[in-house]
Amino acid sequence: MSAPLQKRRVVLLGATGSIGESTLRVIAAHRDRLELVAIAAHGKHQRLAEIAREFGVRQVGLYDPAALAAAKTNAAFPAGTKFYGGAAGLSELATLPEADIVLVAVVGTTALEPTLAAIAAKKTIALASKEILVLAGKFIMAAARASGSPLLPVDSEHNALFQCLEGHRASDVRRVVLTASGGAFRDWPLAKLAAVTPEDALKHPNWAMGPKITVDSATLANKGLELIEAQWLFGLRAGQCQAVLHAQSIMHCLVEFTDGSLLAQLCPPSMTFPIQHALLHPGRAPAGTDTALSLDKAFSLDFRPVDEARYPCLRLAREAMTAGGTAPAVFNAANEVAVAAFLAKRVPFLAIPRIIEQTLATVKLLEPDALAQVLAVDAEARTTATQFTSQLK
């Protein structure tokens, strides 16, 4: 009789977001192989209590101080729960001695400190927070190389690239192509985009995601961020990273090798597939959540080039990637400010690329020697973008 599989113990940072909820489904489907040992969120302490009870978790982090205080008086948490607060608390959870893998699904720059802490502790990282590689890829990848901490991508496109590139020499790769659905306005006449509302932008044709990333899919800023992330994760040149529209969201990447051969990765548009791959890597298991892709019924795969008149944010992201240094950080910061203003109905949809372009043209770019320089530029870019946003009121 073979020995039982040793469970992989998981810390989930960002447990209440869309990635977090998908991760919980994967863990629930593979309780024989995965064990949730710690969870964290920004402020949804009621939902964290439900998760803690369902999975028997007694180590819980909350970034927001008010939510942390409320959680400590919430009797719905299991008896003996230990609470962690703020950025320091997230880092403590990310370095728990019993943790084998830390899935980072925290939005924005909040994920930076706990990710670096987990890397220093030599944990395996399942990374779903693309913004931190855009912001500080130079320093995160250097830290990972120094510690030997594996970085396993969770984004569907990067996980697909990881699967297609594994075992191949970097010198044999001509280019990588990430697919993009085109978002909610892929087929709208350009003239209608001036009247887009947040409600319109949040109606993604294929994916169920959070508000910010759904808007980013509509502008293709998200694909631009993913190209920058791919460059860091896989050691690529800017010119090797491209995107193509693929309406069905079934094929998630293409890798073209120097001999002209193409490899692709296909699966249904559900985050449970890349999450499961990352959590169980290098092993695999039957899909225990969503239905796998069926070949019993006819389906088509359509591709078309990106029209940058419709998606200027992708052009701006590629220009930032080519410029290098702190340009991607400025792009990301300006985009976050612009999208937040759009969702709050303070600026129109078409103002998003204008705010990004103005911010990139205003903030002085540099090649950072220290993480503190990147964080300073990030803060300056947010201030500058906010000023441009207020001028558009």
Protein backbone atom coordinates (compact mmCIF):
# COMPACT_ATOMS: atom_id res chain seq x y z
CA MET A 1 0.00 0.00 0.00
CA SER A 2 1.42 3.37 -1.02
CA ALA A 3 1.93 6.08 1.60
CA PRO A 4 -0.70 8.84 1.74
CA LEU A 5 0.17 12.10 -0.02
CA GLN A 6 1.61 14.76 2.24
CA LYS A 7 -0.68 17.77 2.29
CA ARG A 8 0.65 21.07 1.02
CA ARG A 9 -0.08 23.77 3.59
CA VAL A 10 -1.40 27.00 2.08
CA VAL A 11 -1.45 30.61 3.28
CA LEU A 12 -4.03 32.60 1.30
CA LEU A 13 -3.54 36.37 1.23
CA GLY A 14 -6.60 37.99 -0.33
CA ALA A 15 -9.09 35.30 0.65
CA THR A 16 -12.28 37.28 0.02
CA GLY A 17 -11.58 38.52 -3.52
CA SER A 18 -12.42 36.69 -6.74
CA ILE A 19 -9.05 34.88 -6.84
CA GLY A 20 -9.38 34.01 -3.18
CA GLU A 21 -12.85 32.55 -3.61
CA SER A 22 -11.67 30.44 -6.56
CA THR A 23 -8.72 29.26 -4.48
CA LEU A 24 -11.07 28.15 -1.71
CA ARG A 25 -13.01 26.08 -4.22
CA VAL A 26 -9.79 24.36 -5.34
CA ILE A 27 -8.71 23.64 -1.77
CA ALA A 28 -12.16 22.30 -0.89
CA ALA A 29 -12.02 19.96 -3.88
CA HIS A 30 -8.58 18.64 -2.93
CA ARG A 31 -8.61 18.43 0.86
CA ASP A 32 -6.52 15.27 0.63
CA ARG A 33 -3.67 17.26 -0.92
CA LEU A 34 -4.14 20.86 0.27
CA GLU A 35 -4.62 22.32 3.74
CA LEU A 36 -5.46 25.97 4.41
CA VAL A 37 -3.47 27.17 7.43
CA ALA A 38 -3.89 30.97 7.31
CA ILE A 39 -6.08 33.54 5.58
CA ALA A 40 -6.06 37.32 5.20
CA ALA A 41 -8.17 40.05 3.64
CA HIS A 42 -8.44 43.81 3.63
CA GLY A 43 -11.58 44.22 5.69
CA LYS A 44 -14.31 41.61 5.13
CA HIS A 45 -14.08 40.04 8.58
CA GLN A 46 -17.51 38.40 8.40
CA ARG A 47 -16.55 36.48 5.27
CA LEU A 48 -13.19 35.58 6.83
CA ALA A 49 -15.05 34.13 9.82
CA GLU A 50 -17.10 31.92 7.49
CA ILE A 51 -13.93 30.72 5.74
CA ALA A 52 -12.15 30.12 9.03
CA ARG A 53 -14.97 27.93 10.30
CA GLU A 54 -15.33 26.00 7.04
CA PHE A 55 -11.62 25.18 6.77
CA GLY A 56 -10.68 25.11 10.45
CA VAL A 57 -8.28 28.05 10.13
CA ARG A 58 -7.09 29.76 13.31
CA GLN A 59 -4.61 32.28 11.93
CA VAL A 60 -6.33 35.29 10.37
CA GLY A 61 -5.03 38.61 9.05
CA LEU A 62 -6.90 41.86 8.42
CA TYR A 63 -5.22 44.86 6.85
CA ASP A 64 -7.83 47.42 7.93
CA PRO A 65 -7.53 48.38 11.64
CA ALA A 66 -11.28 48.87 12.14
CA ALA A 67 -12.05 45.48 10.60
CA LEU A 68 -9.35 43.88 12.76
CA ALA A 69 -10.91 45.34 15.91
CA ALA A 70 -14.35 44.10 14.86
CA ALA A 71 -13.01 40.63 14.06
CA LYS A 72 -11.52 40.25 17.53
CA THR A 73 -15.02 40.57 19.01
CA ASN A 74 -16.66 38.39 16.37
CA ALA A 75 -17.73 35.14 18.01
CA ALA A 76 -18.13 33.49 14.59
CA PHE A 77 -14.37 32.86 14.41
CA PRO A 78 -13.19 29.49 15.76
CA ALA A 79 -12.10 29.45 19.38
CA GLY A 80 -8.41 30.21 19.76
CA THR A 81 -8.10 32.22 16.53
CA LYS A 82 -4.97 34.37 16.42
CA PHE A 83 -5.33 37.69 14.61
CA TYR A 84 -2.71 39.62 12.66
CA GLY A 85 -3.03 43.26 11.62
CA GLY A 86 -1.76 45.58 8.89
CA ALA A 87 1.09 45.03 6.46
CA ALA A 88 3.27 43.58 9.21
CA GLY A 89 0.55 41.04 9.98
CA LEU A 90 0.38 39.93 6.36
CA SER A 91 4.14 39.44 6.39
CA GLU A 92 3.92 37.36 9.56
CA LEU A 93 1.36 35.09 7.94
CA ALA A 94 3.48 34.85 4.79
CA THR A 95 6.42 33.54 6.81
CA LEU A 96 4.66 31.07 9.10
CA PRO A 97 7.00 28.11 9.71
CA GLU A 98 4.26 25.60 8.86
CA ALA A 99 3.44 27.21 5.50
CA ASP A 100 4.59 25.46 2.33
CA ILE A 101 3.09 27.81 -0.26
CA VAL A 102 1.82 31.39 -0.06
CA LEU A 103 -0.82 32.40 -2.58
CA VAL A 104 -0.64 36.17 -2.99
CA ALA A 105 -3.94 37.56 -4.27
CA VAL A 106 -3.77 40.94 -2.53
CA VAL A 107 -4.59 43.86 -4.80
CA GLY A 108 -2.00 46.52 -5.60
CA THR A 109 1.16 47.49 -3.75
CA THR A 110 -0.11 46.07 -0.44
CA ALA A 111 1.16 42.70 -1.68
CA LEU A 112 4.76 43.88 -2.00
CA GLU A 113 5.93 43.58 1.60
CA PRO A 114 4.43 40.14 2.37
CA THR A 115 5.67 38.75 -0.95
CA LEU A 116 9.24 39.86 -0.25
CA ALA A 117 8.95 38.47 3.28
CA ALA A 118 7.76 35.10 1.96
CA ILE A 119 10.61 35.05 -0.57
CA ALA A 120 13.16 35.76 2.17
CA ALA A 121 11.65 32.87 4.14
CA LYS A 122 12.16 30.63 1.09
CA LYS A 123 8.47 29.88 0.68
CA THR A 124 6.97 28.80 -2.63
CA ILE A 125 5.00 31.75 -3.99
CA ALA A 126 1.83 31.39 -6.06
CA LEU A 127 1.57 34.90 -7.44
CA ALA A 128 -1.72 36.42 -8.57
CA SER A 129 -0.87 40.06 -7.85
CA LYS A 130 0.57 41.34 -11.11
CA GLU A 131 0.95 44.94 -9.91
CA ILE A 132 3.93 44.16 -7.69
CA LEU A 133 5.98 42.76 -10.57
CA VAL A 134 5.05 45.77 -12.67
CA LEU A 135 6.10 48.03 -9.81
CA ALA A 136 9.16 46.21 -8.52
CA GLY A 137 9.90 43.25 -10.79
CA LYS A 138 13.63 44.01 -10.75
CA PHE A 139 13.81 43.61 -6.98
CA ILE A 140 11.33 40.74 -6.59
CA MET A 141 13.03 38.58 -9.22
CA ALA A 142 16.47 39.35 -7.75
CA ALA A 143 15.23 38.37 -4.29
CA ALA A 144 13.71 35.15 -5.63
CA ARG A 145 16.94 34.21 -7.39
CA ALA A 146 18.94 34.89 -4.23
CA SER A 147 16.68 32.82 -1.96
CA GLY A 148 15.76 30.09 -4.43
CA SER A 149 12.10 30.73 -3.68
CA PRO A 150 9.97 29.42 -6.58
CA LEU A 151 7.54 31.90 -8.20
CA LEU A 152 4.55 30.10 -9.70
CA PRO A 153 2.26 32.35 -11.75
CA VAL A 154 -1.47 32.18 -11.06
CA ASP A 155 -2.79 34.59 -13.71
CA SER A 156 -4.33 32.45 -16.42
CA GLU A 157 -2.06 33.78 -19.17
CA HIS A 158 1.16 33.54 -17.17
CA ASN A 159 0.31 30.12 -15.84
CA ALA A 160 -0.31 29.09 -19.45
CA LEU A 161 3.10 30.49 -20.45
CA PHE A 162 4.72 28.66 -17.55
CA GLN A 163 3.26 25.37 -18.75
CA CYS A 164 4.30 25.96 -22.38
CA LEU A 165 7.81 27.18 -21.56
CA GLU A 166 8.69 24.59 -18.93
CA GLY A 167 11.55 22.43 -20.15
CA HIS A 168 12.46 24.72 -23.08
CA ARG A 169 15.57 26.86 -23.45
CA ALA A 170 15.06 30.61 -23.34
CA SER A 171 17.24 30.99 -26.42
CA ASP A 172 14.75 28.89 -28.42
CA VAL A 173 11.82 31.27 -27.74
CA ARG A 174 11.10 33.82 -30.48
CA ARG A 175 8.07 35.45 -28.85
CA VAL A 176 5.16 34.89 -26.50
CA VAL A 177 1.61 35.99 -27.27
CA LEU A 178 -0.98 36.57 -24.57
CA THR A 179 -4.63 36.38 -25.56
CA ALA A 180 -7.18 39.03 -24.60
CA SER A 181 -10.95 38.77 -24.75
CA GLY A 182 -11.25 42.45 -25.63
CA GLY A 183 -13.53 43.16 -22.70
CA ALA A 184 -17.02 44.55 -22.63
CA PHE A 185 -16.61 46.95 -25.57
CA ARG A 186 -14.79 44.77 -28.06
CA ASP A 187 -17.58 45.07 -30.61
CA TRP A 188 -18.95 48.51 -29.75
CA PRO A 189 -18.64 51.33 -32.31
CA LEU A 190 -15.83 53.67 -31.28
CA ALA A 191 -18.25 56.59 -31.20
CA LYS A 192 -20.20 54.94 -28.35
CA LEU A 193 -17.20 54.67 -26.02
CA ALA A 194 -17.55 58.30 -24.91
CA ALA A 195 -20.83 57.41 -23.21
CA VAL A 196 -19.64 54.25 -21.41
CA THR A 197 -20.73 53.92 -17.78
CA PRO A 198 -19.13 51.86 -15.00
CA GLU A 199 -22.13 49.55 -15.16
CA ASP A 200 -21.39 48.93 -18.85
CA ALA A 201 -17.70 48.29 -18.20
CA LEU A 202 -18.38 45.70 -15.50
CA LYS A 203 -20.27 43.39 -17.87
CA HIS A 204 -17.37 41.19 -18.94
CA PRO A 205 -18.34 38.68 -21.65
CA ASN A 206 -16.33 35.73 -20.29
CA TRP A 207 -14.84 36.21 -16.84
CA ALA A 208 -16.23 36.92 -13.35
CA MET A 209 -13.68 39.28 -11.76
CA GLY A 210 -13.40 42.26 -9.45
CA PRO A 211 -14.37 45.77 -10.63
CA LYS A 212 -10.88 47.15 -11.20
CA ILE A 213 -9.58 44.23 -13.27
CA THR A 214 -12.83 44.11 -15.25
CA VAL A 215 -12.40 47.75 -16.26
CA ASP A 216 -8.75 47.01 -17.07
CA SER A 217 -9.95 44.25 -19.39
CA ALA A 218 -12.22 46.73 -21.16
CA THR A 219 -9.31 49.15 -21.74
CA LEU A 220 -6.72 46.37 -22.24
CA ALA A 221 -4.60 48.02 -19.55
CA ASN A 222 -4.76 44.62 -17.90
CA LYS A 223 -3.13 42.99 -20.91
CA GLY A 224 -0.44 45.65 -20.88
CA LEU A 225 0.29 44.91 -17.22
CA GLU A 226 0.40 41.20 -18.05
CA LEU A 227 2.94 41.77 -20.83
CA ILE A 228 5.17 43.62 -18.36
CA GLU A 229 4.71 40.83 -15.82
CA ALA A 230 5.57 38.20 -18.44
CA GLN A 231 8.77 40.04 -19.28
CA TRP A 232 9.92 39.80 -15.64
CA LEU A 233 8.69 36.28 -14.92
CA PHE A 234 10.28 34.69 -17.95
CA GLY A 235 13.28 36.95 -18.64
CA LEU A 236 12.01 38.22 -21.98
CA ARG A 237 12.76 41.33 -24.00
CA ALA A 238 9.96 43.85 -24.48
CA GLY A 239 9.75 43.07 -28.20
CA GLN A 240 9.15 39.38 -27.47
CA CYS A 241 5.89 40.08 -25.58
CA GLN A 242 2.78 40.55 -27.69
CA ALA A 243 -1.01 40.31 -27.43
CA VAL A 244 -3.84 39.19 -29.69
CA LEU A 245 -7.63 39.32 -29.35
CA HIS A 246 -9.29 35.96 -28.78
CA ALA A 247 -13.00 36.31 -28.05
CA GLN A 248 -13.60 32.86 -26.54
CA SER A 249 -10.95 33.08 -23.75
CA ILE A 250 -10.17 29.38 -24.21
CA MET A 251 -6.59 29.64 -25.49
CA HIS A 252 -4.58 31.61 -22.96
CA CYS A 253 -1.20 31.94 -24.63
CA LEU A 254 0.88 31.08 -27.64
CA VAL A 255 4.63 30.50 -27.57
CA GLU A 256 6.47 30.72 -30.87
CA PHE A 257 9.88 29.07 -31.02
CA THR A 258 12.74 29.97 -33.32
CA ASP A 259 11.94 27.03 -35.61
CA GLY A 260 8.44 28.41 -36.26
CA SER A 261 6.61 25.91 -34.06
CA LEU A 262 3.81 27.19 -31.82
CA LEU A 263 2.70 25.78 -28.48
CA ALA A 264 -0.58 26.84 -26.88
CA GLN A 265 -2.41 26.16 -23.62
CA LEU A 266 -6.20 25.77 -23.56
CA CYS A 267 -8.74 25.46 -20.76
CA PRO A 268 -12.13 26.98 -19.94
CA PRO A 269 -12.23 30.61 -18.74
CA SER A 270 -12.14 29.84 -15.02
CA MET A 271 -9.39 30.77 -12.60
CA THR A 272 -9.69 27.43 -10.82
CA PHE A 273 -7.57 25.76 -13.52
CA PRO A 274 -4.41 27.91 -13.17
CA ILE A 275 -4.84 28.10 -9.38
CA GLN A 276 -4.99 24.31 -9.10
CA HIS A 277 -1.96 23.95 -11.35
CA ALA A 278 0.08 26.35 -9.22
CA LEU A 279 -0.96 24.87 -5.88
CA LEU A 280 -0.26 21.27 -6.93
CA HIS A 281 2.80 21.87 -9.14
CA PRO A 282 4.66 19.78 -10.22
CA GLY A 283 1.85 17.30 -9.67
CA ARG A 284 -1.55 17.28 -11.30
CA ALA A 285 -4.99 16.06 -10.27
CA PRO A 286 -8.43 15.75 -11.87
CA ALA A 287 -10.27 19.06 -12.11
CA GLY A 288 -12.43 19.00 -9.01
CA THR A 289 -14.25 22.29 -9.54
CA ASP A 290 -15.19 23.45 -13.03
CA THR A 291 -15.90 21.24 -16.03
CA ALA A 292 -12.88 20.67 -18.24
CA LEU A 293 -12.90 21.63 -21.90
CA SER A 294 -14.96 19.18 -23.93
CA LEU A 295 -14.16 18.16 -27.48
CA ASP A 296 -17.49 16.40 -27.89
CA LYS A 297 -19.12 19.60 -29.12
CA ALA A 298 -17.99 21.86 -31.91
CA PHE A 299 -16.42 25.18 -30.98
CA SER A 300 -14.26 27.73 -32.76
CA LEU A 301 -11.18 29.72 -31.85
CA ASP A 302 -11.06 33.21 -33.35
CA PHE A 303 -8.12 35.60 -33.34
CA ARG A 304 -7.60 39.15 -34.54
CA PRO A 305 -4.98 41.84 -34.02
CA VAL A 306 -5.44 44.52 -31.39
CA ASP A 307 -6.73 47.86 -32.70
CA GLU A 308 -4.82 50.42 -30.65
CA ALA A 309 -7.25 53.17 -31.63
CA ARG A 310 -9.78 51.25 -29.55
CA TYR A 311 -7.26 50.22 -26.88
CA PRO A 312 -4.73 53.04 -26.37
CA CYS A 313 -3.89 51.76 -22.87
CA LEU A 314 -2.16 48.74 -24.42
CA ARG A 315 0.02 51.03 -26.53
CA LEU A 316 0.93 53.07 -23.45
CA ALA A 317 1.80 49.92 -21.50
CA ARG A 318 4.04 48.65 -24.30
CA GLU A 319 5.78 52.02 -24.48
CA ALA A 320 6.33 51.94 -20.71
CA MET A 321 7.69 48.39 -20.95
CA THR A 322 10.13 49.45 -23.68
CA ALA A 323 11.22 52.52 -21.70
CA GLY A 324 11.87 50.35 -18.65
CA GLY A 325 13.03 51.68 -15.31
CA THR A 326 10.17 53.22 -13.36
CA ALA A 327 7.94 53.77 -16.43
CA PRO A 328 5.85 50.61 -15.78
CA ALA A 329 5.35 51.71 -12.16
CA VAL A 330 4.10 55.10 -13.35
CA PHE A 331 1.76 53.44 -15.85
CA ASN A 332 0.34 51.17 -13.15
CA ALA A 333 -0.12 53.95 -10.58
CA ALA A 334 -1.80 56.31 -13.05
CA ASN A 335 -4.08 53.54 -14.27
CA GLU A 336 -5.17 52.66 -10.72
CA VAL A 337 -6.03 56.30 -10.00
CA ALA A 338 -7.85 56.75 -13.30
CA VAL A 339 -9.88 53.55 -12.98
CA ALA A 340 -10.90 54.41 -9.40
CA ALA A 341 -12.07 57.82 -10.60
CA PHE A 342 -14.04 56.26 -13.45
CA LEU A 343 -15.72 53.71 -11.16
CA ALA A 344 -16.64 56.60 -8.84
CA LYS A 345 -18.13 58.42 -11.86
CA ARG A 346 -15.71 61.33 -11.49
CA VAL A 347 -14.19 61.00 -14.98
CA PRO A 348 -15.44 59.48 -18.26
CA PHE A 349 -14.19 56.16 -19.61
CA LEU A 350 -12.07 57.72 -22.34
CA ALA A 351 -10.24 59.84 -19.75
CA ILE A 352 -8.43 56.75 -18.44
CA PRO A 353 -5.76 56.61 -21.19
CA ARG A 354 -5.48 60.42 -21.19
CA ILE A 355 -4.66 60.46 -17.48
CA ILE A 356 -2.09 57.69 -17.93
CA GLU A 357 -0.42 59.41 -20.89
CA GLN A 358 -0.27 62.79 -19.12
CA THR A 359 1.22 61.19 -16.01
CA LEU A 360 3.86 59.31 -17.98
CA ALA A 361 4.83 62.55 -19.71
CA THR A 362 5.06 64.48 -16.43
CA VAL A 363 6.76 62.21 -13.88
CA LYS A 364 10.53 61.98 -14.23
CA LEU A 365 11.55 58.41 -15.03
CA LEU A 366 14.69 56.74 -13.73
CA GLU A 367 16.48 53.40 -13.44
CA PRO A 368 16.04 52.55 -9.75
CA ASP A 369 18.89 51.24 -7.61
CA ALA A 370 16.69 50.67 -4.55
CA LEU A 371 13.10 49.74 -3.87
CA ALA A 372 12.60 53.02 -2.00
CA GLN A 373 13.12 54.91 -5.27
CA VAL A 374 10.37 52.91 -6.95
CA LEU A 375 7.97 53.53 -4.09
CA ALA A 376 8.74 57.27 -4.22
CA VAL A 377 8.02 57.38 -7.95
CA ASP A 378 4.83 55.37 -7.41
CA ALA A 379 3.65 57.92 -4.84
CA GLU A 380 4.54 60.83 -7.12
CA ALA A 381 2.70 59.24 -10.03
CA ARG A 382 -0.43 58.78 -7.91
CA THR A 383 -0.34 62.41 -6.81
CA THR A 384 0.19 63.59 -10.39
CA ALA A 385 -2.58 61.38 -11.79
CA THR A 386 -4.96 62.57 -9.07
CA GLN A 387 -4.25 66.17 -10.07
CA PHE A 388 -5.05 65.41 -13.71
CA THR A 389 -8.18 63.59 -12.58
CA SER A 390 -9.41 66.61 -10.62
CA GLN A 391 -8.89 68.82 -13.68
CA LEU A 392 -11.29 66.63 -15.65
CA LYS A 393 -14.20 67.08 -13.24
